[in-house]
PDB file of all heavy atoms in Angstrom:
ATOM      1  N   SER A   1      86.197 102.746 109.562  1.00  0.00           N
ATOM      2  CA  SER A   1      86.869 103.681 110.466  1.00  0.00           C
ATOM      3  C   SER A   1      87.319 103.034 111.770  1.00  0.00           C
ATOM      4  O   SER A   1      88.044 103.646 112.536  1.00  0.00           O
ATOM      5  CB  SER A   1      85.959 104.879 110.757  1.00  0.00           C
ATOM      6  OG  SER A   1      84.782 104.443 111.383  1.00  0.00           O
ATOM      7  N   GLU A   2      86.921 101.796 112.032  1.00  0.00           N
ATOM      8  CA  GLU A   2      87.346 101.083 113.237  1.00  0.00           C
ATOM      9  C   GLU A   2      88.654 100.318 113.019  1.00  0.00           C
ATOM     10  O   GLU A   2      89.222  99.785 113.968  1.00  0.00           O
ATOM     11  CB  GLU A   2      86.257 100.104 113.682  1.00  0.00           C
ATOM     12  CG  GLU A   2      84.933 100.758 114.015  1.00  0.00           C
ATOM     13  CD  GLU A   2      85.036 101.693 115.213  1.00  0.00           C
ATOM     14  OE1 GLU A   2      85.718 101.337 116.187  1.00  0.00           O
ATOM     15  OE2 GLU A   2      84.443 102.784 115.167  1.00  0.00           O
ATOM     16  N   ASN A   3      89.138 100.280 111.786  1.00  0.00           N
ATOM     17  CA  ASN A   3      90.353  99.542 111.466  1.00  0.00           C
ATOM     18  C   ASN A   3      91.569 100.301 111.994  1.00  0.00           C
ATOM     19  O   ASN A   3      91.881 101.400 111.538  1.00  0.00           O
ATOM     20  CB  ASN A   3      90.446  99.359 109.945  1.00  0.00           C
ATOM     21  CG  ASN A   3      91.599  98.497 109.537  1.00  0.00           C
ATOM     22  OD1 ASN A   3      92.710  98.622 110.039  1.00  0.00           O
ATOM     23  ND2 ASN A   3      91.341  97.618 108.581  1.00  0.00           N
ATOM     24  N   GLU A   4      92.255  99.691 112.964  1.00  0.00           N
ATOM     25  CA  GLU A   4      93.383 100.366 113.610  1.00  0.00           C
ATOM     26  C   GLU A   4      94.554 100.599 112.671  1.00  0.00           C
ATOM     27  O   GLU A   4      95.254 101.613 112.779  1.00  0.00           O
ATOM     28  CB  GLU A   4      93.843  99.564 114.825  1.00  0.00           C
ATOM     29  CG  GLU A   4      92.870  99.640 115.975  1.00  0.00           C
ATOM     30  CD  GLU A   4      93.410  98.973 117.216  1.00  0.00           C
ATOM     31  OE1 GLU A   4      94.619  99.074 117.479  1.00  0.00           O
ATOM     32  OE2 GLU A   4      92.598  98.351 117.915  1.00  0.00           O
ATOM     33  N   GLU A   5      94.783  99.681 111.747  1.00  0.00           N
ATOM     34  CA  GLU A   5      95.892  99.849 110.802  1.00  0.00           C
ATOM     35  C   GLU A   5      95.650 101.039 109.883  1.00  0.00           C
ATOM     36  O   GLU A   5      96.561 101.819 109.610  1.00  0.00           O
ATOM     37  CB  GLU A   5      96.118  98.572 109.993  1.00  0.00           C
ATOM     38  CG  GLU A   5      96.501  97.371 110.816  1.00  0.00           C
ATOM     39  CD  GLU A   5      97.765  97.552 111.639  1.00  0.00           C
ATOM     40  OE1 GLU A   5      98.573  98.473 111.349  1.00  0.00           O
ATOM     41  OE2 GLU A   5      97.954  96.787 112.593  1.00  0.00           O
ATOM     42  N   LEU A   6      94.426 101.177 109.415  1.00  0.00           N
ATOM     43  CA  LEU A   6      94.101 102.329 108.565  1.00  0.00           C
ATOM     44  C   LEU A   6      94.200 103.629 109.360  1.00  0.00           C
ATOM     45  O   LEU A   6      94.674 104.642 108.841  1.00  0.00           O
ATOM     46  CB  LEU A   6      92.710 102.174 107.951  1.00  0.00           C
ATOM     47  CG  LEU A   6      92.561 101.024 106.951  1.00  0.00           C
ATOM     48  CD1 LEU A   6      91.100 100.880 106.539  1.00  0.00           C
ATOM     49  CD2 LEU A   6      93.448 101.228 105.742  1.00  0.00           C
ATOM     50  N   LEU A   7      93.766 103.593 110.602  1.00  0.00           N
ATOM     51  CA  LEU A   7      93.881 104.776 111.467  1.00  0.00           C
ATOM     52  C   LEU A   7      95.346 105.156 111.643  1.00  0.00           C
ATOM     53  O   LEU A   7      95.709 106.333 111.542  1.00  0.00           O
ATOM     54  CB  LEU A   7      93.228 104.516 112.821  1.00  0.00           C
ATOM     55  CG  LEU A   7      93.338 105.636 113.849  1.00  0.00           C
ATOM     56  CD1 LEU A   7      92.678 106.910 113.326  1.00  0.00           C
ATOM     57  CD2 LEU A   7      92.721 105.214 115.163  1.00  0.00           C
ATOM     58  N   ASN A   8      96.201 104.157 111.881  1.00  0.00           N
ATOM     59  CA  ASN A   8      97.636 104.431 112.005  1.00  0.00           C
ATOM     60  C   ASN A   8      98.198 105.070 110.737  1.00  0.00           C
ATOM     61  O   ASN A   8      98.984 106.009 110.801  1.00  0.00           O
ATOM     62  CB  ASN A   8      98.404 103.147 112.322  1.00  0.00           C
ATOM     63  CG  ASN A   8      98.136 102.633 113.707  1.00  0.00           C
ATOM     64  OD1 ASN A   8      97.737 103.381 114.589  1.00  0.00           O
ATOM     65  ND2 ASN A   8      98.363 101.348 113.898  1.00  0.00           N
ATOM     66  N   LEU A   9      97.783 104.553 109.591  1.00  0.00           N
ATOM     67  CA  LEU A   9      98.260 105.122 108.328  1.00  0.00           C
ATOM     68  C   LEU A   9      97.749 106.540 108.129  1.00  0.00           C
ATOM     69  O   LEU A   9      98.467 107.398 107.616  1.00  0.00           O
ATOM     70  CB  LEU A   9      97.840 104.236 107.152  1.00  0.00           C
ATOM     71  CG  LEU A   9      98.577 102.906 107.051  1.00  0.00           C
ATOM     72  CD1 LEU A   9      97.920 102.026 105.996  1.00  0.00           C
ATOM     73  CD2 LEU A   9     100.042 103.124 106.738  1.00  0.00           C
ATOM     74  N   GLU A  10      96.512 106.810 108.534  1.00  0.00           N
ATOM     75  CA  GLU A  10      95.969 108.172 108.444  1.00  0.00           C
ATOM     76  C   GLU A  10      96.795 109.127 109.300  1.00  0.00           C
ATOM     77  O   GLU A  10      97.076 110.248 108.897  1.00  0.00           O
ATOM     78  CB  GLU A  10      94.500 108.211 108.889  1.00  0.00           C
ATOM     79  CG  GLU A  10      93.514 107.697 107.876  1.00  0.00           C
ATOM     80  CD  GLU A  10      93.222 108.705 106.779  1.00  0.00           C
ATOM     81  OE1 GLU A  10      93.541 109.892 106.920  1.00  0.00           O
ATOM     82  OE2 GLU A  10      92.654 108.280 105.762  1.00  0.00           O
ATOM     83  N   GLU A  11      97.193 108.664 110.474  1.00  0.00           N
ATOM     84  CA  GLU A  11      97.962 109.513 111.376  1.00  0.00           C
ATOM     85  C   GLU A  11      99.379 109.761 110.872  1.00  0.00           C
ATOM     86  O   GLU A  11      99.923 110.836 111.066  1.00  0.00           O
ATOM     87  CB  GLU A  11      98.005 108.880 112.769  1.00  0.00           C
ATOM     88  CG  GLU A  11      96.670 108.915 113.468  1.00  0.00           C
ATOM     89  CD  GLU A  11      96.649 108.153 114.777  1.00  0.00           C
ATOM     90  OE1 GLU A  11      97.627 107.437 115.079  1.00  0.00           O
ATOM     91  OE2 GLU A  11      95.647 108.274 115.496  1.00  0.00           O
ATOM     92  N   VAL A  12      99.966 108.762 110.228  1.00  0.00           N
ATOM     93  CA  VAL A  12     101.332 108.907 109.713  1.00  0.00           C
ATOM     94  C   VAL A  12     101.362 109.876 108.538  1.00  0.00           C
ATOM     95  O   VAL A  12     102.279 110.675 108.402  1.00  0.00           O
ATOM     96  CB  VAL A  12     101.901 107.528 109.291  1.00  0.00           C
ATOM     97  CG1 VAL A  12     103.221 107.676 108.571  1.00  0.00           C
ATOM     98  CG2 VAL A  12     102.064 106.634 110.501  1.00  0.00           C
ATOM     99  N   GLY A  13     100.328 109.827 107.698  1.00  0.00           N
ATOM    100  CA  GLY A  13     100.270 110.729 106.545  1.00  0.00           C
ATOM    101  C   GLY A  13     101.101 110.239 105.383  1.00  0.00           C
ATOM    102  O   GLY A  13     101.429 109.067 105.275  1.00  0.00           O
ATOM    103  N   ASN A  14     101.438 111.164 104.506  1.00  0.00           N
ATOM    104  CA  ASN A  14     102.208 110.839 103.300  1.00  0.00           C
ATOM    105  C   ASN A  14     103.689 110.949 103.585  1.00  0.00           C
ATOM    106  O   ASN A  14     104.276 112.005 103.460  1.00  0.00           O
ATOM    107  CB  ASN A  14     101.831 111.784 102.159  1.00  0.00           C
ATOM    108  CG  ASN A  14     100.387 111.625 101.747  1.00  0.00           C
ATOM    109  OD1 ASN A  14      99.753 110.654 102.100  1.00  0.00           O
ATOM    110  ND2 ASN A  14      99.882 112.577 101.000  1.00  0.00           N
ATOM    111  N   SER A  15     104.269 109.849 103.980  1.00  0.00           N
ATOM    112  CA  SER A  15     105.685 109.878 104.298  1.00  0.00           C
ATOM    113  C   SER A  15     106.296 108.510 104.077  1.00  0.00           C
ATOM    114  O   SER A  15     105.600 107.525 103.840  1.00  0.00           O
ATOM    115  CB  SER A  15     105.889 110.301 105.754  1.00  0.00           C
ATOM    116  OG  SER A  15     105.391 109.300 106.614  1.00  0.00           O
ATOM    117  N   LYS A  16     107.595 108.472 104.192  1.00  0.00           N
ATOM    118  CA  LYS A  16     108.289 107.196 104.075  1.00  0.00           C
ATOM    119  C   LYS A  16     107.873 106.259 105.197  1.00  0.00           C
ATOM    120  O   LYS A  16     107.855 105.046 105.018  1.00  0.00           O
ATOM    121  CB  LYS A  16     109.798 107.406 104.076  1.00  0.00           C
ATOM    122  CG  LYS A  16     110.288 108.093 102.827  1.00  0.00           C
ATOM    123  CD  LYS A  16     111.782 108.288 102.859  1.00  0.00           C
ATOM    124  CE  LYS A  16     112.223 109.047 101.615  1.00  0.00           C
ATOM    125  NZ  LYS A  16     113.661 109.314 101.621  1.00  0.00           N
ATOM    126  N   SER A  17     107.517 106.811 106.326  1.00  0.00           N
ATOM    127  CA  SER A  17     107.053 105.982 107.443  1.00  0.00           C
ATOM    128  C   SER A  17     105.790 105.216 107.063  1.00  0.00           C
ATOM    129  O   SER A  17     105.622 104.051 107.431  1.00  0.00           O
ATOM    130  CB  SER A  17     106.778 106.836 108.677  1.00  0.00           C
ATOM    131  OG  SER A  17     107.956 107.427 109.135  1.00  0.00           O
ATOM    132  N   ALA A  18     104.896 105.850 106.338  1.00  0.00           N
ATOM    133  CA  ALA A  18     103.673 105.190 105.895  1.00  0.00           C
ATOM    134  C   ALA A  18     104.013 104.044 104.945  1.00  0.00           C
ATOM    135  O   ALA A  18     103.432 102.959 105.038  1.00  0.00           O
ATOM    136  CB  ALA A  18     102.744 106.184 105.213  1.00  0.00           C
ATOM    137  N   ILE A  19     104.940 104.278 104.044  1.00  0.00           N
ATOM    138  CA  ILE A  19     105.360 103.250 103.091  1.00  0.00           C
ATOM    139  C   ILE A  19     105.944 102.063 103.845  1.00  0.00           C
ATOM    140  O   ILE A  19     105.589 100.896 103.581  1.00  0.00           O
ATOM    141  CB  ILE A  19     106.382 103.814 102.082  1.00  0.00           C
ATOM    142  CG1 ILE A  19     105.762 104.938 101.247  1.00  0.00           C
ATOM    143  CG2 ILE A  19     106.945 102.715 101.205  1.00  0.00           C
ATOM    144  CD1 ILE A  19     104.552 104.552 100.442  1.00  0.00           C
ATOM    145  N   LEU A  20     106.823 102.335 104.780  1.00  0.00           N
ATOM    146  CA  LEU A  20     107.431 101.247 105.551  1.00  0.00           C
ATOM    147  C   LEU A  20     106.389 100.486 106.357  1.00  0.00           C
ATOM    148  O   LEU A  20     106.451  99.259 106.483  1.00  0.00           O
ATOM    149  CB  LEU A  20     108.518 101.795 106.472  1.00  0.00           C
ATOM    150  CG  LEU A  20     109.753 102.342 105.765  1.00  0.00           C
ATOM    151  CD1 LEU A  20     110.693 103.001 106.779  1.00  0.00           C
ATOM    152  CD2 LEU A  20     110.479 101.249 105.006  1.00  0.00           C
ATOM    153  N   HIS A  21     105.415 101.204 106.891  1.00  0.00           N
ATOM    154  CA  HIS A  21     104.353 100.560 107.669  1.00  0.00           C
ATOM    155  C   HIS A  21     103.529  99.625 106.788  1.00  0.00           C
ATOM    156  O   HIS A  21     103.227  98.491 107.187  1.00  0.00           O
ATOM    157  CB  HIS A  21     103.473 101.623 108.324  1.00  0.00           C
ATOM    158  CG  HIS A  21     102.484 101.059 109.280  1.00  0.00           C
ATOM    159  ND1 HIS A  21     102.852 100.488 110.483  1.00  0.00           N
ATOM    160  CD2 HIS A  21     101.139 100.956 109.207  1.00  0.00           C
ATOM    161  CE1 HIS A  21     101.765 100.065 111.102  1.00  0.00           C
ATOM    162  NE2 HIS A  21     100.718 100.338 110.360  1.00  0.00           N
ATOM    163  N   ILE A  22     103.175 100.071 105.607  1.00  0.00           N
ATOM    164  CA  ILE A  22     102.399  99.238 104.677  1.00  0.00           C
ATOM    165  C   ILE A  22     103.193  97.995 104.296  1.00  0.00           C
ATOM    166  O   ILE A  22     102.665  96.877 104.296  1.00  0.00           O
ATOM    167  CB  ILE A  22     102.008 100.030 103.416  1.00  0.00           C
ATOM    168  CG1 ILE A  22     101.016 101.126 103.774  1.00  0.00           C
ATOM    169  CG2 ILE A  22     101.419  99.107 102.354  1.00  0.00           C
ATOM    170  CD1 ILE A  22     100.805 102.130 102.669  1.00  0.00           C
ATOM    171  N   LEU A  23     104.469  98.169 103.971  1.00  0.00           N
ATOM    172  CA  LEU A  23     105.299  97.026 103.606  1.00  0.00           C
ATOM    173  C   LEU A  23     105.384  96.024 104.750  1.00  0.00           C
ATOM    174  O   LEU A  23     105.314  94.813 104.543  1.00  0.00           O
ATOM    175  CB  LEU A  23     106.692  97.496 103.188  1.00  0.00           C
ATOM    176  CG  LEU A  23     106.752  98.347 101.922  1.00  0.00           C
ATOM    177  CD1 LEU A  23     108.167  98.858 101.699  1.00  0.00           C
ATOM    178  CD2 LEU A  23     106.248  97.580 100.716  1.00  0.00           C
ATOM    179  N   SER A  24     105.497  96.530 105.959  1.00  0.00           N
ATOM    180  CA  SER A  24     105.553  95.665 107.128  1.00  0.00           C
ATOM    181  C   SER A  24     104.248  94.897 107.326  1.00  0.00           C
ATOM    182  O   SER A  24     104.250  93.699 107.611  1.00  0.00           O
ATOM    183  CB  SER A  24     105.864  96.503 108.372  1.00  0.00           C
ATOM    184  OG  SER A  24     105.776  95.742 109.527  1.00  0.00           O
ATOM    185  N   LEU A  25     103.127  95.590 107.163  1.00  0.00           N
ATOM    186  CA  LEU A  25     101.816  94.936 107.306  1.00  0.00           C
ATOM    187  C   LEU A  25     101.637  93.811 106.304  1.00  0.00           C
ATOM    188  O   LEU A  25     101.192  92.714 106.643  1.00  0.00           O
ATOM    189  CB  LEU A  25     100.689  95.950 107.124  1.00  0.00           C
ATOM    190  CG  LEU A  25     100.461  96.955 108.220  1.00  0.00           C
ATOM    191  CD1 LEU A  25      99.420  97.976 107.778  1.00  0.00           C
ATOM    192  CD2 LEU A  25     100.017  96.246 109.484  1.00  0.00           C
ATOM    193  N   MET A  26     101.984  94.088 105.056  1.00  0.00           N
ATOM    194  CA  MET A  26     101.802  93.087 104.014  1.00  0.00           C
ATOM    195  C   MET A  26     102.765  91.923 104.204  1.00  0.00           C
ATOM    196  O   MET A  26     102.416  90.776 103.954  1.00  0.00           O
ATOM    197  CB  MET A  26     101.959  93.718 102.639  1.00  0.00           C
ATOM    198  CG  MET A  26     100.890  94.750 102.321  1.00  0.00           C
ATOM    199  SD  MET A  26      99.188  94.163 102.535  1.00  0.00           S
ATOM    200  CE  MET A  26      99.029  93.086 101.134  1.00  0.00           C
ATOM    201  N   ASP A  27     103.964  92.204 104.675  1.00  0.00           N
ATOM    202  CA  ASP A  27     104.924  91.148 104.925  1.00  0.00           C
ATOM    203  C   ASP A  27     104.434  90.238 106.051  1.00  0.00           C
ATOM    204  O   ASP A  27     104.507  89.016 105.948  1.00  0.00           O
ATOM    205  CB  ASP A  27     106.287  91.737 105.268  1.00  0.00           C
ATOM    206  CG  ASP A  27     107.373  90.691 105.246  1.00  0.00           C
ATOM    207  OD1 ASP A  27     107.410  89.890 104.286  1.00  0.00           O
ATOM    208  OD2 ASP A  27     108.192  90.672 106.177  1.00  0.00           O
ATOM    209  N   SER A  28     103.888  90.811 107.100  1.00  0.00           N
ATOM    210  CA  SER A  28     103.378  89.990 108.200  1.00  0.00           C
ATOM    211  C   SER A  28     102.145  89.206 107.767  1.00  0.00           C
ATOM    212  O   SER A  28     101.926  88.085 108.220  1.00  0.00           O
ATOM    213  CB  SER A  28     103.076  90.833 109.431  1.00  0.00           C
ATOM    214  OG  SER A  28     102.026  91.712 109.197  1.00  0.00           O
ATOM    215  N   ALA A  29     101.359  89.757 106.862  1.00  0.00           N
ATOM    216  CA  ALA A  29     100.194  89.029 106.341  1.00  0.00           C
ATOM    217  C   ALA A  29     100.657  87.806 105.555  1.00  0.00           C
ATOM    218  O   ALA A  29     100.044  86.736 105.640  1.00  0.00           O
ATOM    219  CB  ALA A  29      99.346  89.939 105.459  1.00  0.00           C
ATOM    220  N   LYS A  30     101.734  87.929 104.803  1.00  0.00           N
ATOM    221  CA  LYS A  30     102.264  86.787 104.058  1.00  0.00           C
ATOM    222  C   LYS A  30     102.764  85.716 105.012  1.00  0.00           C
ATOM    223  O   LYS A  30     102.560  84.533 104.795  1.00  0.00           O
ATOM    224  CB  LYS A  30     103.403  87.237 103.146  1.00  0.00           C
ATOM    225  CG  LYS A  30     102.964  88.056 101.970  1.00  0.00           C
ATOM    226  CD  LYS A  30     104.166  88.499 101.181  1.00  0.00           C
ATOM    227  CE  LYS A  30     103.785  89.534 100.161  1.00  0.00           C
ATOM    228  NZ  LYS A  30     104.966  90.094  99.494  1.00  0.00           N
ATOM    229  N   ILE A  31     103.428  86.135 106.076  1.00  0.00           N
ATOM    230  CA  ILE A  31     103.939  85.188 107.061  1.00  0.00           C
ATOM    231  C   ILE A  31     102.773  84.457 107.718  1.00  0.00           C
ATOM    232  O   ILE A  31     102.805  83.237 107.873  1.00  0.00           O
ATOM    233  CB  ILE A  31     104.814  85.891 108.109  1.00  0.00           C
ATOM    234  CG1 ILE A  31     106.105  86.372 107.449  1.00  0.00           C
ATOM    235  CG2 ILE A  31     105.106  84.976 109.289  1.00  0.00           C
ATOM    236  CD1 ILE A  31     106.934  87.304 108.306  1.00  0.00           C
ATOM    237  N   ASN A  32     101.731  85.175 108.089  1.00  0.00           N
ATOM    238  CA  ASN A  32     100.563  84.558 108.717  1.00  0.00           C
ATOM    239  C   ASN A  32      99.891  83.571 107.773  1.00  0.00           C
ATOM    240  O   ASN A  32      99.449  82.507 108.190  1.00  0.00           O
ATOM    241  CB  ASN A  32      99.562  85.622 109.163  1.00  0.00           C
ATOM    242  CG  ASN A  32     100.080  86.436 110.329  1.00  0.00           C
ATOM    243  OD1 ASN A  32     100.968  86.004 111.049  1.00  0.00           O
ATOM    244  ND2 ASN A  32      99.526  87.620 110.499  1.00  0.00           N
ATOM    245  N   GLU A  33      99.819  83.912 106.482  1.00  0.00           N
ATOM    246  CA  GLU A  33      99.203  83.029 105.504  1.00  0.00           C
ATOM    247  C   GLU A  33     100.014  81.733 105.387  1.00  0.00           C
ATOM    248  O   GLU A  33      99.450  80.640 105.355  1.00  0.00           O
ATOM    249  CB  GLU A  33      99.132  83.725 104.140  1.00  0.00           C
ATOM    250  CG  GLU A  33      98.533  82.873 103.046  1.00  0.00           C
ATOM    251  CD  GLU A  33      98.536  83.578 101.703  1.00  0.00           C
ATOM    252  OE1 GLU A  33      98.510  84.815 101.672  1.00  0.00           O
ATOM    253  OE2 GLU A  33      98.578  82.867 100.688  1.00  0.00           O
ATOM    254  N   LYS A  34     101.331  81.849 105.331  1.00  0.00           N
ATOM    255  CA  LYS A  34     102.179  80.663 105.247  1.00  0.00           C
ATOM    256  C   LYS A  34     102.037  79.802 106.495  1.00  0.00           C
ATOM    257  O   LYS A  34     101.988  78.577 106.415  1.00  0.00           O
ATOM    258  CB  LYS A  34     103.638  81.069 105.048  1.00  0.00           C
ATOM    259  CG  LYS A  34     103.929  81.594 103.673  1.00  0.00           C
ATOM    260  CD  LYS A  34     105.391  81.998 103.546  1.00  0.00           C
ATOM    261  CE  LYS A  34     105.652  82.606 102.188  1.00  0.00           C
ATOM    262  NZ  LYS A  34     107.058  83.053 102.063  1.00  0.00           N
ATOM    263  N   ALA A  35     101.962  80.433 107.659  1.00  0.00           N
ATOM    264  CA  ALA A  35     101.808  79.687 108.898  1.00  0.00           C
ATOM    265  C   ALA A  35     100.492  78.939 108.920  1.00  0.00           C
ATOM    266  O   ALA A  35     100.436  77.777 109.345  1.00  0.00           O
ATOM    267  CB  ALA A  35     101.913  80.634 110.092  1.00  0.00           C
ATOM    268  N   MET A  36      99.431  79.556 108.463  1.00  0.00           N
ATOM    269  CA  MET A  36      98.127  78.906 108.453  1.00  0.00           C
ATOM    270  C   MET A  36      98.142  77.699 107.512  1.00  0.00           C
ATOM    271  O   MET A  36      97.585  76.659 107.834  1.00  0.00           O
ATOM    272  CB  MET A  36      97.025  79.887 108.041  1.00  0.00           C
ATOM    273  CG  MET A  36      96.773  80.975 109.074  1.00  0.00           C
ATOM    274  SD  MET A  36      96.331  80.306 110.694  1.00  0.00           S
ATOM    275  CE  MET A  36      94.763  79.585 110.348  1.00  0.00           C
ATOM    276  N   LYS A  37      98.773  77.818 106.359  1.00  0.00           N
ATOM    277  CA  LYS A  37      98.846  76.683 105.443  1.00  0.00           C
ATOM    278  C   LYS A  37      99.639  75.539 106.073  1.00  0.00           C
ATOM    279  O   LYS A  37      99.300  74.377 105.923  1.00  0.00           O
ATOM    280  CB  LYS A  37      99.499  77.112 104.122  1.00  0.00           C
ATOM    281  CG  LYS A  37      98.587  77.951 103.260  1.00  0.00           C
ATOM    282  CD  LYS A  37      99.268  78.345 101.970  1.00  0.00           C
ATOM    283  CE  LYS A  37      98.358  79.217 101.146  1.00  0.00           C
ATOM    284  NZ  LYS A  37      99.003  79.678  99.912  1.00  0.00           N
ATOM    285  N   PHE A  38     100.703  75.878 106.796  1.00  0.00           N
ATOM    286  CA  PHE A  38     101.521  74.867 107.441  1.00  0.00           C
ATOM    287  C   PHE A  38     100.707  74.104 108.481  1.00  0.00           C
ATOM    288  O   PHE A  38     100.728  72.890 108.540  1.00  0.00           O
ATOM    289  CB  PHE A  38     102.739  75.516 108.102  1.00  0.00           C
ATOM    290  CG  PHE A  38     103.560  74.558 108.911  1.00  0.00           C
ATOM    291  CD1 PHE A  38     104.412  73.660 108.288  1.00  0.00           C
ATOM    292  CD2 PHE A  38     103.484  74.542 110.281  1.00  0.00           C
ATOM    293  CE1 PHE A  38     105.160  72.763 109.021  1.00  0.00           C
ATOM    294  CE2 PHE A  38     104.231  73.658 111.039  1.00  0.00           C
ATOM    295  CZ  PHE A  38     105.071  72.760 110.396  1.00  0.00           C
ATOM    296  N   TYR A  39      99.948  74.834 109.307  1.00  0.00           N
ATOM    297  CA  TYR A  39      99.203  74.200 110.376  1.00  0.00           C
ATOM    298  C   TYR A  39      97.952  73.459 109.868  1.00  0.00           C
ATOM    299  O   TYR A  39      97.463  72.555 110.527  1.00  0.00           O
ATOM    300  CB  TYR A  39      98.779  75.227 111.440  1.00  0.00           C
ATOM    301  CG  TYR A  39      99.949  75.697 112.266  1.00  0.00           C
ATOM    302  CD1 TYR A  39     100.369  77.015 112.216  1.00  0.00           C
ATOM    303  CD2 TYR A  39     100.639  74.826 113.079  1.00  0.00           C
ATOM    304  CE1 TYR A  39     101.446  77.456 112.972  1.00  0.00           C
ATOM    305  CE2 TYR A  39     101.727  75.240 113.833  1.00  0.00           C
ATOM    306  CZ  TYR A  39     102.117  76.565 113.765  1.00  0.00           C
ATOM    307  OH  TYR A  39     103.175  76.965 114.513  1.00  0.00           O
ATOM    308  N   ASN A  40      97.462  73.834 108.695  1.00  0.00           N
ATOM    309  CA  ASN A  40      96.269  73.176 108.157  1.00  0.00           C
ATOM    310  C   ASN A  40      96.603  71.910 107.398  1.00  0.00           C
ATOM    311  O   ASN A  40      95.707  71.153 107.048  1.00  0.00           O
ATOM    312  CB  ASN A  40      95.486  74.140 107.264  1.00  0.00           C
ATOM    313  CG  ASN A  40      94.786  75.204 108.080  1.00  0.00           C
ATOM    314  OD1 ASN A  40      94.413  74.976 109.209  1.00  0.00           O
ATOM    315  ND2 ASN A  40      94.624  76.374 107.497  1.00  0.00           N
TER     316      ASN A  40
END
């Protein structure tokens, strides 16, 4: 319940906004993973 991203999704509810938010989160996670591999 302390996870801010999950809280944001709970507040958005069942909508296209929630879908877009999830896609954005996962896309940024992929970018962060690629950056970490580059720097390591």
